[in-house]
């Protein structure tokens, strides 16, 4: 696991680039039930700094998103929900994990067919994840909420 003071980076072969982190909420129907309701998973997305969480995102950015079923400090995830970009988009054979050290997501529920999150929240932690072919993401992160990345899955 990387040192908590290590910068968050994407390493491809011997070249490192900085990443930043954002958290969002993924709402989906509970698995194996027709009873209705939603499950709220936390998603932490690591993306190149050109992403600003406002307006249209620049195309061609590397990004990697981890999903957490447990929204608590100490939660660990090996669930890569999504990856995209010139290096991470084609990455395969991954292993490692993301660990939350601070979890203050401020999720309140659904509102007007959207996700309701109170202002001021953040999550923080560390990630150490390697893919085949010399691609790795590692370091410490602190992630504010990005409503642009919230997602509601329909049954």
C-alpha atoms as a PDB file:
ATOM      1  CA  UNK A   1       0.000   0.000   0.000  1.00  0.00           C
ATOM      2  CA  UNK A   2       1.420   3.445  -0.840  1.00  0.00           C
ATOM      3  CA  UNK A   3       2.475   5.930   1.826  1.00  0.00           C
ATOM      4  CA  UNK A   4      -0.445   8.245   2.707  1.00  0.00           C
ATOM      5  CA  UNK A   5       1.706  11.243   1.714  1.00  0.00           C
ATOM      6  CA  UNK A   6       2.569   9.839  -1.746  1.00  0.00           C
ATOM      7  CA  UNK A   7       1.192  11.844  -4.655  1.00  0.00           C
ATOM      8  CA  UNK A   8      -1.617  10.242  -6.648  1.00  0.00           C
ATOM      9  CA  UNK A   9      -0.128   9.166  -9.987  1.00  0.00           C
ATOM     10  CA  UNK A  10      -0.716   7.110 -13.095  1.00  0.00           C
ATOM     11  CA  UNK A  11       2.460   5.305 -14.100  1.00  0.00           C
ATOM     12  CA  UNK A  12       2.816   3.916 -17.614  1.00  0.00           C
ATOM     13  CA  UNK A  13       6.129   2.116 -18.078  1.00  0.00           C
ATOM     14  CA  UNK A  14       8.622   4.585 -16.564  1.00  0.00           C
ATOM     15  CA  UNK A  15       6.558   7.757 -16.986  1.00  0.00           C
ATOM     16  CA  UNK A  16       4.329   9.165 -14.206  1.00  0.00           C
ATOM     17  CA  UNK A  17       1.464  11.633 -14.551  1.00  0.00           C
ATOM     18  CA  UNK A  18      -0.622  13.226 -11.787  1.00  0.00           C
ATOM     19  CA  UNK A  19      -4.227  12.256 -11.154  1.00  0.00           C
ATOM     20  CA  UNK A  20      -6.942  13.871  -9.065  1.00  0.00           C
ATOM     21  CA  UNK A  21      -9.903  12.254  -7.309  1.00  0.00           C
ATOM     22  CA  UNK A  22     -13.636  12.945  -7.166  1.00  0.00           C
ATOM     23  CA  UNK A  23     -16.381  11.017  -5.386  1.00  0.00           C
ATOM     24  CA  UNK A  24     -19.895  10.422  -6.605  1.00  0.00           C
ATOM     25  CA  UNK A  25     -22.921   8.301  -5.754  1.00  0.00           C
ATOM     26  CA  UNK A  26     -24.179   5.377  -7.841  1.00  0.00           C
ATOM     27  CA  UNK A  27     -27.833   4.506  -7.153  1.00  0.00           C
ATOM     28  CA  UNK A  28     -29.125   1.164  -8.365  1.00  0.00           C
ATOM     29  CA  UNK A  29     -31.846  -1.349  -7.495  1.00  0.00           C
ATOM     30  CA  UNK A  30     -30.790  -3.869  -4.835  1.00  0.00           C
ATOM     31  CA  UNK A  31     -29.534  -7.114  -6.377  1.00  0.00           C
ATOM     32  CA  UNK A  32     -31.885 -10.103  -6.327  1.00  0.00           C
ATOM     33  CA  UNK A  33     -35.000  -8.189  -5.315  1.00  0.00           C
ATOM     34  CA  UNK A  34     -38.072  -6.761  -6.976  1.00  0.00           C
ATOM     35  CA  UNK A  35     -39.082  -4.900  -3.815  1.00  0.00           C
ATOM     36  CA  UNK A  36     -38.081  -1.482  -5.113  1.00  0.00           C
ATOM     37  CA  UNK A  37     -35.828   0.973  -3.363  1.00  0.00           C
ATOM     38  CA  UNK A  38     -32.248   1.755  -4.210  1.00  0.00           C
ATOM     39  CA  UNK A  39     -28.778   0.917  -3.029  1.00  0.00           C
ATOM     40  CA  UNK A  40     -26.304   3.798  -2.784  1.00  0.00           C
ATOM     41  CA  UNK A  41     -22.723   2.872  -3.615  1.00  0.00           C
ATOM     42  CA  UNK A  42     -19.841   5.286  -3.307  1.00  0.00           C
ATOM     43  CA  UNK A  43     -17.683   5.708  -6.411  1.00  0.00           C
ATOM     44  CA  UNK A  44     -14.208   7.257  -6.349  1.00  0.00           C
ATOM     45  CA  UNK A  45     -12.978   8.328  -9.779  1.00  0.00           C
ATOM     46  CA  UNK A  46      -9.310   9.036 -10.433  1.00  0.00           C
ATOM     47  CA  UNK A  47      -8.852  11.223 -13.491  1.00  0.00           C
ATOM     48  CA  UNK A  48      -6.339  13.510 -15.129  1.00  0.00           C
ATOM     49  CA  UNK A  49      -6.372  17.110 -13.770  1.00  0.00           C
ATOM     50  CA  UNK A  50      -7.860  18.534 -17.004  1.00  0.00           C
ATOM     51  CA  UNK A  51     -11.240  17.242 -15.718  1.00  0.00           C
ATOM     52  CA  UNK A  52     -12.924  20.076 -13.813  1.00  0.00           C
ATOM     53  CA  UNK A  53     -16.346  18.618 -12.799  1.00  0.00           C
ATOM     54  CA  UNK A  54     -18.139  21.414 -14.615  1.00  0.00           C
ATOM     55  CA  UNK A  55     -19.410  21.531 -18.171  1.00  0.00           C
ATOM     56  CA  UNK A  56     -18.259  19.166 -20.864  1.00  0.00           C
ATOM     57  CA  UNK A  57     -15.291  16.988 -19.951  1.00  0.00           C
ATOM     58  CA  UNK A  58     -12.328  17.061 -22.320  1.00  0.00           C
ATOM     59  CA  UNK A  59     -12.128  13.910 -24.414  1.00  0.00           C
ATOM     60  CA  UNK A  60      -9.295  11.419 -24.232  1.00  0.00           C
ATOM     61  CA  UNK A  61      -8.586  11.642 -20.492  1.00  0.00           C
ATOM     62  CA  UNK A  62      -7.417   8.634 -18.541  1.00  0.00           C
ATOM     63  CA  UNK A  63      -9.811   7.767 -15.702  1.00  0.00           C
ATOM     64  CA  UNK A  64     -10.341   4.867 -13.311  1.00  0.00           C
ATOM     65  CA  UNK A  65     -13.385   4.456 -11.032  1.00  0.00           C
ATOM     66  CA  UNK A  66     -13.688   2.196  -7.986  1.00  0.00           C
ATOM     67  CA  UNK A  67     -17.056   1.248  -6.432  1.00  0.00           C
ATOM     68  CA  UNK A  68     -17.592   0.817  -2.688  1.00  0.00           C
ATOM     69  CA  UNK A  69     -20.610  -1.071  -1.399  1.00  0.00           C
ATOM     70  CA  UNK A  70     -19.691  -0.030   2.170  1.00  0.00           C
ATOM     71  CA  UNK A  71     -19.581   3.721   2.698  1.00  0.00           C
ATOM     72  CA  UNK A  72     -17.413   3.783   5.851  1.00  0.00           C
ATOM     73  CA  UNK A  73     -13.829   4.660   6.750  1.00  0.00           C
ATOM     74  CA  UNK A  74     -11.713   1.519   6.452  1.00  0.00           C
ATOM     75  CA  UNK A  75     -13.705   0.182   3.481  1.00  0.00           C
ATOM     76  CA  UNK A  76     -11.653  -1.533   0.795  1.00  0.00           C
ATOM     77  CA  UNK A  77     -12.505  -2.008  -2.855  1.00  0.00           C
ATOM     78  CA  UNK A  78     -11.066  -4.094  -5.641  1.00  0.00           C
ATOM     79  CA  UNK A  79     -14.103  -3.315  -7.818  1.00  0.00           C
ATOM     80  CA  UNK A  80     -13.049  -1.363 -10.898  1.00  0.00           C
ATOM     81  CA  UNK A  81     -16.385   0.039 -12.039  1.00  0.00           C
ATOM     82  CA  UNK A  82     -15.030   1.814 -15.117  1.00  0.00           C
ATOM     83  CA  UNK A  83     -11.834   2.807 -16.881  1.00  0.00           C
ATOM     84  CA  UNK A  84     -11.268   4.965 -19.927  1.00  0.00           C
ATOM     85  CA  UNK A  85      -8.639   6.861 -21.832  1.00  0.00           C
ATOM     86  CA  UNK A  86      -5.635   6.136 -23.992  1.00  0.00           C
ATOM     87  CA  UNK A  87      -3.741   4.159 -21.321  1.00  0.00           C
ATOM     88  CA  UNK A  88      -6.335   2.955 -18.789  1.00  0.00           C
ATOM     89  CA  UNK A  89      -9.081   2.261 -21.351  1.00  0.00           C
ATOM     90  CA  UNK A  90      -7.299  -0.787 -22.727  1.00  0.00           C
ATOM     91  CA  UNK A  91      -5.709  -1.896 -19.448  1.00  0.00           C
ATOM     92  CA  UNK A  92      -6.335  -5.469 -18.335  1.00  0.00           C
ATOM     93  CA  UNK A  93      -5.312  -8.020 -15.731  1.00  0.00           C
ATOM     94  CA  UNK A  94      -5.613  -5.705 -12.732  1.00  0.00           C
ATOM     95  CA  UNK A  95      -4.889  -6.365  -9.075  1.00  0.00           C
ATOM     96  CA  UNK A  96      -4.680  -4.222  -5.967  1.00  0.00           C
ATOM     97  CA  UNK A  97      -7.135  -2.093  -4.026  1.00  0.00           C
ATOM     98  CA  UNK A  98      -8.373   1.295  -2.915  1.00  0.00           C
ATOM     99  CA  UNK A  99      -8.828   1.968   0.824  1.00  0.00           C
ATOM    100  CA  UNK A 100     -10.913   4.743   2.377  1.00  0.00           C
ATOM    101  CA  UNK A 101      -9.379   6.472   5.404  1.00  0.00           C
ATOM    102  CA  UNK A 102     -11.985   9.263   5.582  1.00  0.00           C
ATOM    103  CA  UNK A 103     -15.605   8.796   4.493  1.00  0.00           C
ATOM    104  CA  UNK A 104     -17.845  11.873   4.727  1.00  0.00           C
ATOM    105  CA  UNK A 105     -19.930  11.535   1.558  1.00  0.00           C
ATOM    106  CA  UNK A 106     -22.923  13.613   2.772  1.00  0.00           C
ATOM    107  CA  UNK A 107     -25.367  11.517   0.708  1.00  0.00           C
ATOM    108  CA  UNK A 108     -28.960  12.367   1.737  1.00  0.00           C
ATOM    109  CA  UNK A 109     -31.054  10.313  -0.690  1.00  0.00           C
ATOM    110  CA  UNK A 110     -32.897  10.826  -3.951  1.00  0.00           C
ATOM    111  CA  UNK A 111     -34.394  14.189  -4.852  1.00  0.00           C
ATOM    112  CA  UNK A 112     -36.439  15.005  -7.949  1.00  0.00           C
ATOM    113  CA  UNK A 113     -35.102  11.923  -9.789  1.00  0.00           C
ATOM    114  CA  UNK A 114     -31.556  12.977  -8.893  1.00  0.00           C
ATOM    115  CA  UNK A 115     -29.010  12.387  -6.157  1.00  0.00           C
ATOM    116  CA  UNK A 116     -29.138  14.665  -3.089  1.00  0.00           C
ATOM    117  CA  UNK A 117     -25.727  15.307  -1.487  1.00  0.00           C
ATOM    118  CA  UNK A 118     -25.149  18.011   1.127  1.00  0.00           C
ATOM    119  CA  UNK A 119     -22.245  20.392   0.455  1.00  0.00           C
ATOM    120  CA  UNK A 120     -18.856  20.099   2.100  1.00  0.00           C
ATOM    121  CA  UNK A 121     -18.301  16.353   2.088  1.00  0.00           C
ATOM    122  CA  UNK A 122     -15.167  14.507   1.063  1.00  0.00           C
ATOM    123  CA  UNK A 123     -13.594  11.105   1.040  1.00  0.00           C
ATOM    124  CA  UNK A 124      -9.899  10.313   1.280  1.00  0.00           C
ATOM    125  CA  UNK A 125      -7.675   7.281   1.156  1.00  0.00           C
ATOM    126  CA  UNK A 126      -4.990   5.455  -0.750  1.00  0.00           C
ATOM    127  CA  UNK A 127      -4.861   3.360  -3.881  1.00  0.00           C
ATOM    128  CA  UNK A 128      -2.370   0.808  -5.153  1.00  0.00           C
ATOM    129  CA  UNK A 129      -3.557  -0.925  -8.328  1.00  0.00           C
ATOM    130  CA  UNK A 130      -1.520  -2.501 -11.142  1.00  0.00           C
ATOM    131  CA  UNK A 131      -2.530  -3.613 -14.610  1.00  0.00           C
ATOM    132  CA  UNK A 132      -0.678  -5.830 -17.047  1.00  0.00           C
ATOM    133  CA  UNK A 133       1.763  -4.054 -19.334  1.00  0.00           C
ATOM    134  CA  UNK A 134       3.439  -1.734 -16.832  1.00  0.00           C
ATOM    135  CA  UNK A 135       0.401   0.415 -15.946  1.00  0.00           C
ATOM    136  CA  UNK A 136      -0.201   1.341 -12.284  1.00  0.00           C
ATOM    137  CA  UNK A 137      -2.173   3.835 -10.235  1.00  0.00           C
ATOM    138  CA  UNK A 138      -0.951   4.617  -6.732  1.00  0.00           C
ATOM    139  CA  UNK A 139      -0.837   7.237  -4.017  1.00  0.00           C
ATOM    140  CA  UNK A 140      -3.017   9.129  -1.588  1.00  0.00           C
ATOM    141  CA  UNK A 141      -6.131  11.049  -2.578  1.00  0.00           C
ATOM    142  CA  UNK A 142      -8.684  13.451  -1.195  1.00  0.00           C
ATOM    143  CA  UNK A 143     -11.882  13.658  -3.197  1.00  0.00           C
ATOM    144  CA  UNK A 144     -14.660  16.260  -3.107  1.00  0.00           C
ATOM    145  CA  UNK A 145     -18.117  15.435  -4.477  1.00  0.00           C
ATOM    146  CA  UNK A 146     -18.727  15.753  -8.218  1.00  0.00           C
ATOM    147  CA  UNK A 147     -22.450  15.791  -9.013  1.00  0.00           C
ATOM    148  CA  UNK A 148     -21.621  15.484 -12.704  1.00  0.00           C
ATOM    149  CA  UNK A 149     -20.432  11.919 -11.988  1.00  0.00           C
ATOM    150  CA  UNK A 150     -23.499  10.825  -9.952  1.00  0.00           C
ATOM    151  CA  UNK A 151     -25.407   8.061 -11.715  1.00  0.00           C
ATOM    152  CA  UNK A 152     -28.808   6.421 -11.321  1.00  0.00           C
ATOM    153  CA  UNK A 153     -29.286   3.002 -12.911  1.00  0.00           C
ATOM    154  CA  UNK A 154     -32.783   2.092 -13.979  1.00  0.00           C
ATOM    155  CA  UNK A 155     -34.074  -1.485 -13.665  1.00  0.00           C
END
